[in-house]
PDB file of N, CA and C in Angstrom:
ATOM      1  N   MET A   1      95.804 248.548 -13.038  1.00  0.00           N
ATOM      2  CA  MET A   1      96.194 247.074 -13.664  1.00  0.00           C
ATOM      3  C   MET A   1      95.764 246.936 -14.769  1.00  0.00           C
ATOM      4  N   LYS A   2      96.990 246.337 -15.645  1.00  0.00           N
ATOM      5  CA  LYS A   2      96.521 245.511 -17.134  1.00  0.00           C
ATOM      6  C   LYS A   2      97.317 244.095 -16.188  1.00  0.00           C
ATOM      7  N   GLU A   3      96.218 243.873 -17.144  1.00  0.00           N
ATOM      8  CA  GLU A   3      96.648 242.231 -17.160  1.00  0.00           C
ATOM      9  C   GLU A   3      97.527 241.360 -18.705  1.00  0.00           C
ATOM     10  N   LEU A   4      98.403 240.327 -17.795  1.00  0.00           N
ATOM     11  CA  LEU A   4      99.241 240.392 -18.708  1.00  0.00           C
ATOM     12  C   LEU A   4      98.611 238.669 -18.931  1.00  0.00           C
ATOM     13  N   THR A   5      98.228 238.478 -20.475  1.00  0.00           N
ATOM     14  CA  THR A   5      97.944 237.449 -20.644  1.00  0.00           C
ATOM     15  C   THR A   5      98.955 235.670 -21.288  1.00  0.00           C
ATOM     16  N   ASP A   6     100.083 236.942 -22.263  1.00  0.00           N
ATOM     17  CA  ASP A   6     100.225 235.727 -22.892  1.00  0.00           C
ATOM     18  C   ASP A   6     101.613 235.743 -22.934  1.00  0.00           C
ATOM     19  N   GLU A   7     103.177 235.373 -23.145  1.00  0.00           N
ATOM     20  CA  GLU A   7     104.371 235.135 -22.720  1.00  0.00           C
ATOM     21  C   GLU A   7     105.089 236.704 -23.109  1.00  0.00           C
ATOM     22  N   GLN A   8     104.531 236.979 -24.645  1.00  0.00           N
ATOM     23  CA  GLN A   8     104.995 237.985 -25.413  1.00  0.00           C
ATOM     24  C   GLN A   8     104.795 239.363 -24.645  1.00  0.00           C
ATOM     25  N   ALA A   9     103.720 239.211 -24.128  1.00  0.00           N
ATOM     26  CA  ALA A   9     103.257 240.499 -22.903  1.00  0.00           C
ATOM     27  C   ALA A   9     104.653 240.459 -21.580  1.00  0.00           C
ATOM     28  N   LEU A  10     104.503 239.330 -20.966  1.00  0.00           N
ATOM     29  CA  LEU A  10     106.011 239.127 -20.354  1.00  0.00           C
ATOM     30  C   LEU A  10     107.029 239.782 -20.228  1.00  0.00           C
ATOM     31  N   GLU A  11     107.096 238.957 -21.616  1.00  0.00           N
ATOM     32  CA  GLU A  11     108.885 239.406 -22.382  1.00  0.00           C
ATOM     33  C   GLU A  11     108.559 241.215 -22.139  1.00  0.00           C
ATOM     34  N   ASP A  12     107.632 241.862 -22.859  1.00  0.00           N
ATOM     35  CA  ASP A  12     107.877 243.127 -22.915  1.00  0.00           C
ATOM     36  C   ASP A  12     107.771 244.140 -21.453  1.00  0.00           C
ATOM     37  N   ALA A  13     107.098 243.454 -20.368  1.00  0.00           N
ATOM     38  CA  ALA A  13     107.414 244.027 -18.829  1.00  0.00           C
ATOM     39  C   ALA A  13     108.507 243.424 -18.820  1.00  0.00           C
ATOM     40  N   MET A  14     109.176 242.788 -19.142  1.00  0.00           N
ATOM     41  CA  MET A  14     111.024 242.576 -18.863  1.00  0.00           C
ATOM     42  C   MET A  14     111.618 243.177 -19.013  1.00  0.00           C
ATOM     43  N   ALA A  15     111.432 243.676 -20.512  1.00  0.00           N
ATOM     44  CA  ALA A  15     112.048 244.684 -21.247  1.00  0.00           C
ATOM     45  C   ALA A  15     111.957 246.014 -20.719  1.00  0.00           C
ATOM     46  N   ALA A  16     110.692 246.456 -20.201  1.00  0.00           N
ATOM     47  CA  ALA A  16     110.502 248.102 -19.825  1.00  0.00           C
ATOM     48  C   ALA A  16     110.951 247.814 -18.816  1.00  0.00           C
ATOM     49  N   SER A  17     111.351 246.760 -17.893  1.00  0.00           N
ATOM     50  CA  SER A  17     112.058 246.654 -16.042  1.00  0.00           C
ATOM     51  C   SER A  17     112.970 247.077 -16.373  1.00  0.00           C
ATOM     52  N   GLU A  18     113.843 247.214 -17.227  1.00  0.00           N
ATOM     53  CA  GLU A  18     115.313 247.970 -17.240  1.00  0.00           C
ATOM     54  C   GLU A  18     115.347 249.005 -17.546  1.00  0.00           C
ATOM     55  N   ALA A  19     113.824 249.674 -18.037  1.00  0.00           N
ATOM     56  CA  ALA A  19     114.688 251.158 -17.626  1.00  0.00           C
ATOM     57  C   ALA A  19     113.249 251.942 -16.269  1.00  0.00           C
ATOM     58  N   SER A  20     112.644 251.058 -15.496  1.00  0.00           N
ATOM     59  CA  SER A  20     112.085 251.292 -14.541  1.00  0.00           C
ATOM     60  C   SER A  20     111.020 250.295 -14.111  1.00  0.00           C
ATOM     61  N   PRO A  21     111.399 250.158 -12.774  1.00  0.00           N
ATOM     62  CA  PRO A  21     110.793 249.062 -11.763  1.00  0.00           C
ATOM     63  C   PRO A  21     108.875 248.570 -12.521  1.00  0.00           C
ATOM     64  N   VAL A  22     108.673 247.164 -12.332  1.00  0.00           N
ATOM     65  CA  VAL A  22     107.081 247.031 -12.553  1.00  0.00           C
ATOM     66  C   VAL A  22     107.157 245.695 -11.506  1.00  0.00           C
ATOM     67  N   PHE A  23     105.931 246.039 -10.978  1.00  0.00           N
ATOM     68  CA  PHE A  23     105.502 244.595 -10.364  1.00  0.00           C
ATOM     69  C   PHE A  23     104.419 244.121 -11.251  1.00  0.00           C
ATOM     70  N   LEU A  24     104.426 242.356 -10.866  1.00  0.00           N
ATOM     71  CA  LEU A  24     103.943 241.407 -11.369  1.00  0.00           C
ATOM     72  C   LEU A  24     103.390 241.036 -10.388  1.00  0.00           C
ATOM     73  N   TYR A  25     102.019 240.747 -10.140  1.00  0.00           N
ATOM     74  CA  TYR A  25     101.182 240.126  -9.267  1.00  0.00           C
ATOM     75  C   TYR A  25     100.206 239.245  -9.870  1.00  0.00           C
ATOM     76  N   LYS A  26     100.355 237.635  -9.313  1.00  0.00           N
ATOM     77  CA  LYS A  26      99.813 236.442  -9.262  1.00  0.00           C
ATOM     78  C   LYS A  26      98.870 236.590  -8.630  1.00  0.00           C
ATOM     79  N   HIS A  27      97.499 236.141  -9.083  1.00  0.00           N
ATOM     80  CA  HIS A  27      96.468 236.367  -8.709  1.00  0.00           C
ATOM     81  C   HIS A  27      95.936 234.796  -9.015  1.00  0.00           C
ATOM     82  N   SER A  28      95.134 234.277  -7.968  1.00  0.00           N
ATOM     83  CA  SER A  28      94.196 232.737  -8.550  1.00  0.00           C
ATOM     84  C   SER A  28      92.572 233.306  -8.187  1.00  0.00           C
ATOM     85  N   THR A  29      91.486 233.376  -9.710  1.00  0.00           N
ATOM     86  CA  THR A  29      90.437 233.863  -9.051  1.00  0.00           C
ATOM     87  C   THR A  29      89.558 233.166  -7.873  1.00  0.00           C
ATOM     88  N   VAL A  30      89.947 232.328  -7.780  1.00  0.00           N
ATOM     89  CA  VAL A  30      89.169 231.180  -6.594  1.00  0.00           C
ATOM     90  C   VAL A  30      89.641 231.366  -5.584  1.00  0.00           C
ATOM     91  N   CYS A  31      90.695 231.844  -5.061  1.00  0.00           N
ATOM     92  CA  CYS A  31      90.947 231.737  -3.782  1.00  0.00           C
ATOM     93  C   CYS A  31      90.705 232.901  -3.146  1.00  0.00           C
ATOM     94  N   PRO A  32      90.057 232.543  -1.979  1.00  0.00           N
ATOM     95  CA  PRO A  32      89.582 234.227  -1.214  1.00  0.00           C
ATOM     96  C   PRO A  32      90.932 235.078  -0.582  1.00  0.00           C
ATOM     97  N   VAL A  33      92.146 234.612  -0.148  1.00  0.00           N
ATOM     98  CA  VAL A  33      93.108 234.639   0.151  1.00  0.00           C
ATOM     99  C   VAL A  33      93.787 235.651  -0.705  1.00  0.00           C
ATOM    100  N   SER A  34      93.722 235.691  -2.008  1.00  0.00           N
ATOM    101  CA  SER A  34      94.047 236.418  -3.183  1.00  0.00           C
ATOM    102  C   SER A  34      93.154 237.249  -3.203  1.00  0.00           C
ATOM    103  N   GLY A  35      91.822 237.175  -3.492  1.00  0.00           N
ATOM    104  CA  GLY A  35      90.945 237.658  -2.954  1.00  0.00           C
ATOM    105  C   GLY A  35      91.255 239.111  -2.642  1.00  0.00           C
ATOM    106  N   ALA A  36      91.433 238.914  -1.434  1.00  0.00           N
ATOM    107  CA  ALA A  36      91.621 240.199   0.276  1.00  0.00           C
ATOM    108  C   ALA A  36      92.961 240.724  -0.351  1.00  0.00           C
ATOM    109  N   ALA A  37      94.059 239.998  -0.847  1.00  0.00           N
ATOM    110  CA  ALA A  37      95.442 240.563  -1.603  1.00  0.00           C
ATOM    111  C   ALA A  37      94.884 241.449  -2.521  1.00  0.00           C
ATOM    112  N   LEU A  38      93.992 241.031  -3.367  1.00  0.00           N
ATOM    113  CA  LEU A  38      93.718 241.967  -4.755  1.00  0.00           C
ATOM    114  C   LEU A  38      92.883 243.657  -4.041  1.00  0.00           C
ATOM    115  N   GLN A  39      92.149 243.476  -2.753  1.00  0.00           N
ATOM    116  CA  GLN A  39      91.525 244.489  -2.781  1.00  0.00           C
ATOM    117  C   GLN A  39      92.647 244.829  -1.758  1.00  0.00           C
ATOM    118  N   ARG A  40      93.761 244.853  -0.853  1.00  0.00           N
ATOM    119  CA  ARG A  40      94.670 245.791  -0.139  1.00  0.00           C
ATOM    120  C   ARG A  40      95.485 246.666  -0.954  1.00  0.00           C
ATOM    121  N   LEU A  41      96.221 245.469  -2.532  1.00  0.00           N
ATOM    122  CA  LEU A  41      96.893 245.994  -3.573  1.00  0.00           C
ATOM    123  C   LEU A  41      96.815 246.829  -4.274  1.00  0.00           C
ATOM    124  N   ARG A  42      94.686 246.895  -4.599  1.00  0.00           N
ATOM    125  CA  ARG A  42      94.163 248.059  -4.872  1.00  0.00           C
ATOM    126  C   ARG A  42      94.095 249.151  -4.147  1.00  0.00           C
ATOM    127  N   ALA A  43      93.465 249.148  -2.933  1.00  0.00           N
ATOM    128  CA  ALA A  43      93.463 249.938  -1.845  1.00  0.00           C
ATOM    129  C   ALA A  43      95.029 250.824  -2.078  1.00  0.00           C
ATOM    130  N   PHE A  44      95.905 250.296  -2.260  1.00  0.00           N
ATOM    131  CA  PHE A  44      97.327 250.900  -1.888  1.00  0.00           C
ATOM    132  C   PHE A  44      97.333 251.746  -3.125  1.00  0.00           C
ATOM    133  N   LEU A  45      96.963 251.107  -4.170  1.00  0.00           N
ATOM    134  CA  LEU A  45      97.490 251.926  -5.637  1.00  0.00           C
ATOM    135  C   LEU A  45      96.654 253.518  -5.632  1.00  0.00           C
ATOM    136  N   LYS A  46      95.722 253.181  -5.122  1.00  0.00           N
ATOM    137  CA  LYS A  46      94.628 254.476  -5.061  1.00  0.00           C
ATOM    138  C   LYS A  46      95.052 255.495  -4.396  1.00  0.00           C
ATOM    139  N   GLN A  47      95.989 255.107  -3.359  1.00  0.00           N
ATOM    140  CA  GLN A  47      96.682 256.202  -2.544  1.00  0.00           C
ATOM    141  C   GLN A  47      98.465 256.286  -2.824  1.00  0.00           C
ATOM    142  N   ALA A  48      98.727 255.393  -3.973  1.00  0.00           N
ATOM    143  CA  ALA A  48      99.914 255.535  -3.672  1.00  0.00           C
ATOM    144  C   ALA A  48     101.051 256.482  -4.176  1.00  0.00           C
ATOM    145  N   PRO A  49     102.663 256.464  -3.962  1.00  0.00           N
ATOM    146  CA  PRO A  49     102.769 258.081  -4.100  1.00  0.00           C
ATOM    147  C   PRO A  49     103.362 257.964  -5.481  1.00  0.00           C
ATOM    148  N   PRO A  50     103.499 258.870  -6.112  1.00  0.00           N
ATOM    149  CA  PRO A  50     104.345 258.641  -7.574  1.00  0.00           C
ATOM    150  C   PRO A  50     105.247 258.415  -7.628  1.00  0.00           C
ATOM    151  N   GLY A  51     105.257 257.853  -9.131  1.00  0.00           N
ATOM    152  CA  GLY A  51     106.512 257.314  -9.191  1.00  0.00           C
ATOM    153  C   GLY A  51     106.379 255.319  -8.660  1.00  0.00           C
ATOM    154  N   THR A  52     105.031 255.235  -7.920  1.00  0.00           N
ATOM    155  CA  THR A  52     104.914 253.377  -7.866  1.00  0.00           C
ATOM    156  C   THR A  52     105.105 253.166  -9.460  1.00  0.00           C
ATOM    157  N   PRO A  53     106.134 251.534  -9.640  1.00  0.00           N
ATOM    158  CA  PRO A  53     105.568 251.330 -10.483  1.00  0.00           C
ATOM    159  C   PRO A  53     104.347 250.422 -11.059  1.00  0.00           C
ATOM    160  N   GLU A  54     104.022 250.232 -12.453  1.00  0.00           N
ATOM    161  CA  GLU A  54     102.620 249.669 -12.983  1.00  0.00           C
ATOM    162  C   GLU A  54     102.780 248.645 -12.443  1.00  0.00           C
ATOM    163  N   VAL A  55     101.667 247.552 -12.098  1.00  0.00           N
ATOM    164  CA  VAL A  55     101.248 246.731 -11.761  1.00  0.00           C
ATOM    165  C   VAL A  55     100.729 246.191 -12.627  1.00  0.00           C
ATOM    166  N   LEU A  56     101.413 244.866 -13.310  1.00  0.00           N
ATOM    167  CA  LEU A  56     100.684 244.245 -13.861  1.00  0.00           C
ATOM    168  C   LEU A  56     100.221 242.536 -13.840  1.00  0.00           C
ATOM    169  N   MET A  57      98.827 242.621 -14.041  1.00  0.00           N
ATOM    170  CA  MET A  57      98.340 240.991 -12.782  1.00  0.00           C
ATOM    171  C   MET A  57      98.784 239.741 -13.741  1.00  0.00           C
ATOM    172  N   VAL A  58      98.667 239.100 -13.527  1.00  0.00           N
ATOM    173  CA  VAL A  58      98.736 237.152 -14.044  1.00  0.00           C
ATOM    174  C   VAL A  58      97.640 236.490 -13.489  1.00  0.00           C
ATOM    175  N   LYS A  59      96.400 236.413 -13.953  1.00  0.00           N
ATOM    176  CA  LYS A  59      95.742 235.292 -13.558  1.00  0.00           C
ATOM    177  C   LYS A  59      96.171 233.800 -13.356  1.00  0.00           C
ATOM    178  N   VAL A  60      96.703 233.595 -12.430  1.00  0.00           N
ATOM    179  CA  VAL A  60      97.078 232.326 -12.417  1.00  0.00           C
ATOM    180  C   VAL A  60      96.467 230.655 -13.240  1.00  0.00           C
ATOM    181  N   ILE A  61      95.181 230.578 -13.147  1.00  0.00           N
ATOM    182  CA  ILE A  61      94.579 230.057 -13.813  1.00  0.00           C
ATOM    183  C   ILE A  61      94.197 229.591 -15.275  1.00  0.00           C
ATOM    184  N   GLU A  62      93.980 231.277 -14.972  1.00  0.00           N
ATOM    185  CA  GLU A  62      93.460 231.197 -17.115  1.00  0.00           C
ATOM    186  C   GLU A  62      94.291 231.801 -17.717  1.00  0.00           C
ATOM    187  N   SER A  63      95.906 231.862 -17.299  1.00  0.00           N
ATOM    188  CA  SER A  63      97.018 232.298 -18.076  1.00  0.00           C
ATOM    189  C   SER A  63      98.250 231.385 -17.086  1.00  0.00           C
ATOM    190  N   ARG A  64      98.079 230.049 -17.091  1.00  0.00           N
ATOM    191  CA  ARG A  64      99.160 229.376 -16.683  1.00  0.00           C
ATOM    192  C   ARG A  64     100.402 229.002 -17.287  1.00  0.00           C
ATOM    193  N   PRO A  65     100.729 229.484 -18.910  1.00  0.00           N
ATOM    194  CA  PRO A  65     102.084 229.618 -19.107  1.00  0.00           C
ATOM    195  C   PRO A  65     102.602 230.702 -19.133  1.00  0.00           C
ATOM    196  N   VAL A  66     102.072 231.832 -18.647  1.00  0.00           N
ATOM    197  CA  VAL A  66     102.616 233.351 -18.299  1.00  0.00           C
ATOM    198  C   VAL A  66     103.024 232.870 -16.864  1.00  0.00           C
ATOM    199  N   SER A  67     102.240 232.455 -15.290  1.00  0.00           N
ATOM    200  CA  SER A  67     102.716 231.883 -14.595  1.00  0.00           C
ATOM    201  C   SER A  67     103.704 231.222 -14.538  1.00  0.00           C
ATOM    202  N   ASN A  68     103.991 230.126 -14.938  1.00  0.00           N
ATOM    203  CA  ASN A  68     104.558 229.619 -14.937  1.00  0.00           C
ATOM    204  C   ASN A  68     106.472 230.104 -15.964  1.00  0.00           C
ATOM    205  N   ALA A  69     105.954 230.882 -16.890  1.00  0.00           N
ATOM    206  CA  ALA A  69     107.222 231.468 -17.303  1.00  0.00           C
ATOM    207  C   ALA A  69     107.691 232.636 -16.155  1.00  0.00           C
ATOM    208  N   ILE A  70     106.746 233.066 -15.633  1.00  0.00           N
ATOM    209  CA  ILE A  70     107.653 234.330 -14.242  1.00  0.00           C
ATOM    210  C   ILE A  70     108.074 233.437 -13.139  1.00  0.00           C
ATOM    211  N   ALA A  71     107.980 232.297 -13.342  1.00  0.00           N
ATOM    212  CA  ALA A  71     108.652 230.998 -12.081  1.00  0.00           C
ATOM    213  C   ALA A  71     109.909 230.872 -12.391  1.00  0.00           C
ATOM    214  N   ARG A  72     109.902 230.617 -13.817  1.00  0.00           N
ATOM    215  CA  ARG A  72     111.045 229.839 -14.441  1.00  0.00           C
ATOM    216  C   ARG A  72     111.920 231.166 -15.127  1.00  0.00           C
ATOM    217  N   THR A  73     111.389 232.008 -15.319  1.00  0.00           N
ATOM    218  CA  THR A  73     112.437 233.276 -15.544  1.00  0.00           C
ATOM    219  C   THR A  73     113.043 234.072 -14.433  1.00  0.00           C
ATOM    220  N   LEU A  74     112.241 234.448 -13.128  1.00  0.00           N
ATOM    221  CA  LEU A  74     112.943 235.340 -12.364  1.00  0.00           C
ATOM    222  C   LEU A  74     112.750 233.874 -10.987  1.00  0.00           C
ATOM    223  N   GLY A  75     113.171 233.259 -11.314  1.00  0.00           N
ATOM    224  CA  GLY A  75     113.844 232.145 -10.567  1.00  0.00           C
ATOM    225  C   GLY A  75     112.628 232.501  -8.949  1.00  0.00           C
ATOM    226  N   VAL A  76     111.703 231.916  -9.327  1.00  0.00           N
ATOM    227  CA  VAL A  76     110.886 232.546  -8.184  1.00  0.00           C
ATOM    228  C   VAL A  76     109.642 231.963  -7.361  1.00  0.00           C
ATOM    229  N   LYS A  77     109.621 231.068  -6.781  1.00  0.00           N
ATOM    230  CA  LYS A  77     108.934 229.450  -6.741  1.00  0.00           C
ATOM    231  C   LYS A  77     107.941 230.353  -6.609  1.00  0.00           C
ATOM    232  N   HIS A  78     106.661 229.807  -7.278  1.00  0.00           N
ATOM    233  CA  HIS A  78     105.246 230.062  -7.597  1.00  0.00           C
ATOM    234  C   HIS A  78     104.495 229.805  -6.515  1.00  0.00           C
ATOM    235  N   GLU A  79     103.447 231.318  -6.208  1.00  0.00           N
ATOM    236  CA  GLU A  79     102.226 231.223  -5.087  1.00  0.00           C
ATOM    237  C   GLU A  79     101.876 232.012  -5.350  1.00  0.00           C
ATOM    238  N   SER A  80     100.468 232.161  -5.083  1.00  0.00           N
ATOM    239  CA  SER A  80      99.522 233.255  -5.600  1.00  0.00           C
ATOM    240  C   SER A  80      98.686 233.342  -4.109  1.00  0.00           C
ATOM    241  N   PRO A  81      98.328 233.881  -3.843  1.00  0.00           N
ATOM    242  CA  PRO A  81      98.990 235.396  -4.222  1.00  0.00           C
ATOM    243  C   PRO A  81     100.429 235.866  -3.972  1.00  0.00           C
ATOM    244  N   GLN A  82     100.432 236.509  -5.117  1.00  0.00           N
ATOM    245  CA  GLN A  82     102.336 236.736  -5.239  1.00  0.00           C
ATOM    246  C   GLN A  82     102.671 238.318  -5.736  1.00  0.00           C
ATOM    247  N   LEU A  83     103.335 238.885  -5.090  1.00  0.00           N
ATOM    248  CA  LEU A  83     103.470 240.083  -5.779  1.00  0.00           C
ATOM    249  C   LEU A  83     104.971 240.354  -5.851  1.00  0.00           C
ATOM    250  N   ILE A  84     105.359 240.357  -7.531  1.00  0.00           N
ATOM    251  CA  ILE A  84     106.599 240.657  -7.350  1.00  0.00           C
ATOM    252  C   ILE A  84     107.596 241.445  -7.814  1.00  0.00           C
ATOM    253  N   LEU A  85     108.306 242.334  -7.011  1.00  0.00           N
ATOM    254  CA  LEU A  85     109.071 243.826  -8.178  1.00  0.00           C
ATOM    255  C   LEU A  85     110.202 243.557  -8.892  1.00  0.00           C
ATOM    256  N   VAL A  86     110.485 243.637  -9.978  1.00  0.00           N
ATOM    257  CA  VAL A  86     111.269 243.449 -10.673  1.00  0.00           C
ATOM    258  C   VAL A  86     111.596 244.651 -11.400  1.00  0.00           C
ATOM    259  N   ARG A  87     112.991 244.290 -11.306  1.00  0.00           N
ATOM    260  CA  ARG A  87     114.159 246.174 -11.272  1.00  0.00           C
ATOM    261  C   ARG A  87     115.242 245.026 -12.725  1.00  0.00           C
ATOM    262  N   ASP A  88     115.378 245.633 -13.937  1.00  0.00           N
ATOM    263  CA  ASP A  88     116.404 244.809 -14.003  1.00  0.00           C
ATOM    264  C   ASP A  88     116.075 243.518 -14.702  1.00  0.00           C
ATOM    265  N   ARG A  89     115.143 242.838 -15.090  1.00  0.00           N
ATOM    266  CA  ARG A  89     114.879 241.561 -15.389  1.00  0.00           C
ATOM    267  C   ARG A  89     115.273 240.718 -14.356  1.00  0.00           C
ATOM    268  N   ARG A  90     115.072 241.568 -12.753  1.00  0.00           N
ATOM    269  CA  ARG A  90     115.572 240.127 -12.063  1.00  0.00           C
ATOM    270  C   ARG A  90     114.368 240.835 -10.922  1.00  0.00           C
ATOM    271  N   ALA A  91     114.045 239.673 -10.219  1.00  0.00           N
ATOM    272  CA  ALA A  91     113.465 240.133  -9.305  1.00  0.00           C
ATOM    273  C   ALA A  91     114.027 240.651  -8.000  1.00  0.00           C
ATOM    274  N   ALA A  92     113.475 241.555  -7.607  1.00  0.00           N
ATOM    275  CA  ALA A  92     114.151 242.646  -6.907  1.00  0.00           C
ATOM    276  C   ALA A  92     113.553 242.496  -5.677  1.00  0.00           C
ATOM    277  N   TRP A  93     112.051 242.177  -5.159  1.00  0.00           N
ATOM    278  CA  TRP A  93     111.344 241.794  -4.128  1.00  0.00           C
ATOM    279  C   TRP A  93     110.298 241.257  -4.194  1.00  0.00           C
ATOM    280  N   SER A  94     109.685 240.118  -3.702  1.00  0.00           N
ATOM    281  CA  SER A  94     108.648 239.540  -3.665  1.00  0.00           C
ATOM    282  C   SER A  94     107.776 239.348  -2.154  1.00  0.00           C
ATOM    283  N   ALA A  95     106.512 239.080  -2.607  1.00  0.00           N
ATOM    284  CA  ALA A  95     105.890 238.777  -1.384  1.00  0.00           C
ATOM    285  C   ALA A  95     104.914 238.208  -1.309  1.00  0.00           C
ATOM    286  N   SER A  96     103.901 237.208  -0.941  1.00  0.00           N
ATOM    287  CA  SER A  96     103.107 236.335  -1.140  1.00  0.00           C
ATOM    288  C   SER A  96     101.639 236.762   0.047  1.00  0.00           C
ATOM    289  N   HIS A  97     100.563 236.111  -0.099  1.00  0.00           N
ATOM    290  CA  HIS A  97      99.707 235.344   0.940  1.00  0.00           C
ATOM    291  C   HIS A  97      99.200 237.195   1.555  1.00  0.00           C
ATOM    292  N   HIS A  98      99.145 236.873   3.092  1.00  0.00           N
ATOM    293  CA  HIS A  98      98.645 238.141   3.766  1.00  0.00           C
ATOM    294  C   HIS A  98     100.143 239.045   3.961  1.00  0.00           C
ATOM    295  N   ALA A  99     100.946 238.722   3.330  1.00  0.00           N
ATOM    296  CA  ALA A  99     102.460 239.765   3.370  1.00  0.00           C
ATOM    297  C   ALA A  99     101.827 240.763   2.503  1.00  0.00           C
ATOM    298  N   ILE A 100     101.623 241.134   1.808  1.00  0.00           N
ATOM    299  CA  ILE A 100     101.029 241.674   0.545  1.00  0.00           C
ATOM    300  C   ILE A 100     100.298 243.030   1.303  1.00  0.00           C
ATOM    301  N   THR A 101     100.993 243.876   1.777  1.00  0.00           N
ATOM    302  CA  THR A 101     100.546 245.409   2.129  1.00  0.00           C
ATOM    303  C   THR A 101     100.977 246.114   1.950  1.00  0.00           C
ATOM    304  N   GLY A 102     100.515 247.435   2.190  1.00  0.00           N
ATOM    305  CA  GLY A 102     100.875 248.916   1.397  1.00  0.00           C
ATOM    306  C   GLY A 102     102.548 248.741   1.891  1.00  0.00           C
ATOM    307  N   ASP A 103     101.998 248.544   3.544  1.00  0.00           N
ATOM    308  CA  ASP A 103     103.463 248.782   4.115  1.00  0.00           C
ATOM    309  C   ASP A 103     104.466 248.458   3.523  1.00  0.00           C
ATOM    310  N   ALA A 104     104.206 247.067   3.173  1.00  0.00           N
ATOM    311  CA  ALA A 104     105.387 245.980   2.087  1.00  0.00           C
ATOM    312  C   ALA A 104     105.757 246.560   1.368  1.00  0.00           C
ATOM    313  N   ILE A 105     104.885 247.256   0.589  1.00  0.00           N
ATOM    314  CA  ILE A 105     105.416 247.668  -1.028  1.00  0.00           C
ATOM    315  C   ILE A 105     106.166 249.120  -0.569  1.00  0.00           C
ATOM    316  N   LEU A 106     105.907 249.495   0.234  1.00  0.00           N
ATOM    317  CA  LEU A 106     106.347 250.824   0.119  1.00  0.00           C
ATOM    318  C   LEU A 106     107.669 250.526   0.954  1.00  0.00           C
ATOM    319  N   SER A 107     107.835 249.849   1.501  1.00  0.00           N
ATOM    320  CA  SER A 107     109.024 248.988   2.239  1.00  0.00           C
ATOM    321  C   SER A 107     110.005 249.007   1.105  1.00  0.00           C
ATOM    322  N   ALA A 108     109.449 247.714   0.001  1.00  0.00           N
ATOM    323  CA  ALA A 108     110.069 247.511  -1.254  1.00  0.00           C
ATOM    324  C   ALA A 108     110.262 248.440  -1.944  1.00  0.00           C
ATOM    325  N   LEU A 109     109.734 249.635  -1.816  1.00  0.00           N
ATOM    326  CA  LEU A 109     109.933 250.594  -2.651  1.00  0.00           C
ATOM    327  C   LEU A 109     111.631 251.287  -2.200  1.00  0.00           C
ATOM    328  N   SER A 110     111.546 251.602  -1.013  1.00  0.00           N
ATOM    329  CA  SER A 110     112.297 252.399  -0.798  1.00  0.00           C
ATOM    330  C   SER A 110     113.982 251.940  -0.634  1.00  0.00           C
ATOM    331  N   PRO A 111     114.697 253.070  -1.203  1.00  0.00           N
ATOM    332  CA  PRO A 111     116.447 252.485  -1.249  1.00  0.00           C
ATOM    333  C   PRO A 111     116.907 252.183  -0.763  1.00  0.00           C
TER     334      PRO A 111
END
């Protein structure tokens, strides 16, 4: 899982979403709920099916401008933890807090 730390990296991810979807994961390093969501996400990624989109993490406290830019660019109200599936520069799906589960991610990826 690659970390996004600046707005240029976010723009690169948005551009990449035009070719294939990407996940943006907003993570708080001080929140236990966010820590639990990250554990679930990592467990999912260990057994994820082929073709699962790349997950890019934004630490919301350490990279506040990037976190704010995600909310502004995608029009998705900020929450953390939050997982957003981006297709063609648009939010196609999002989940937050305890709704970030492997089953929810698989459902988001289903046609």
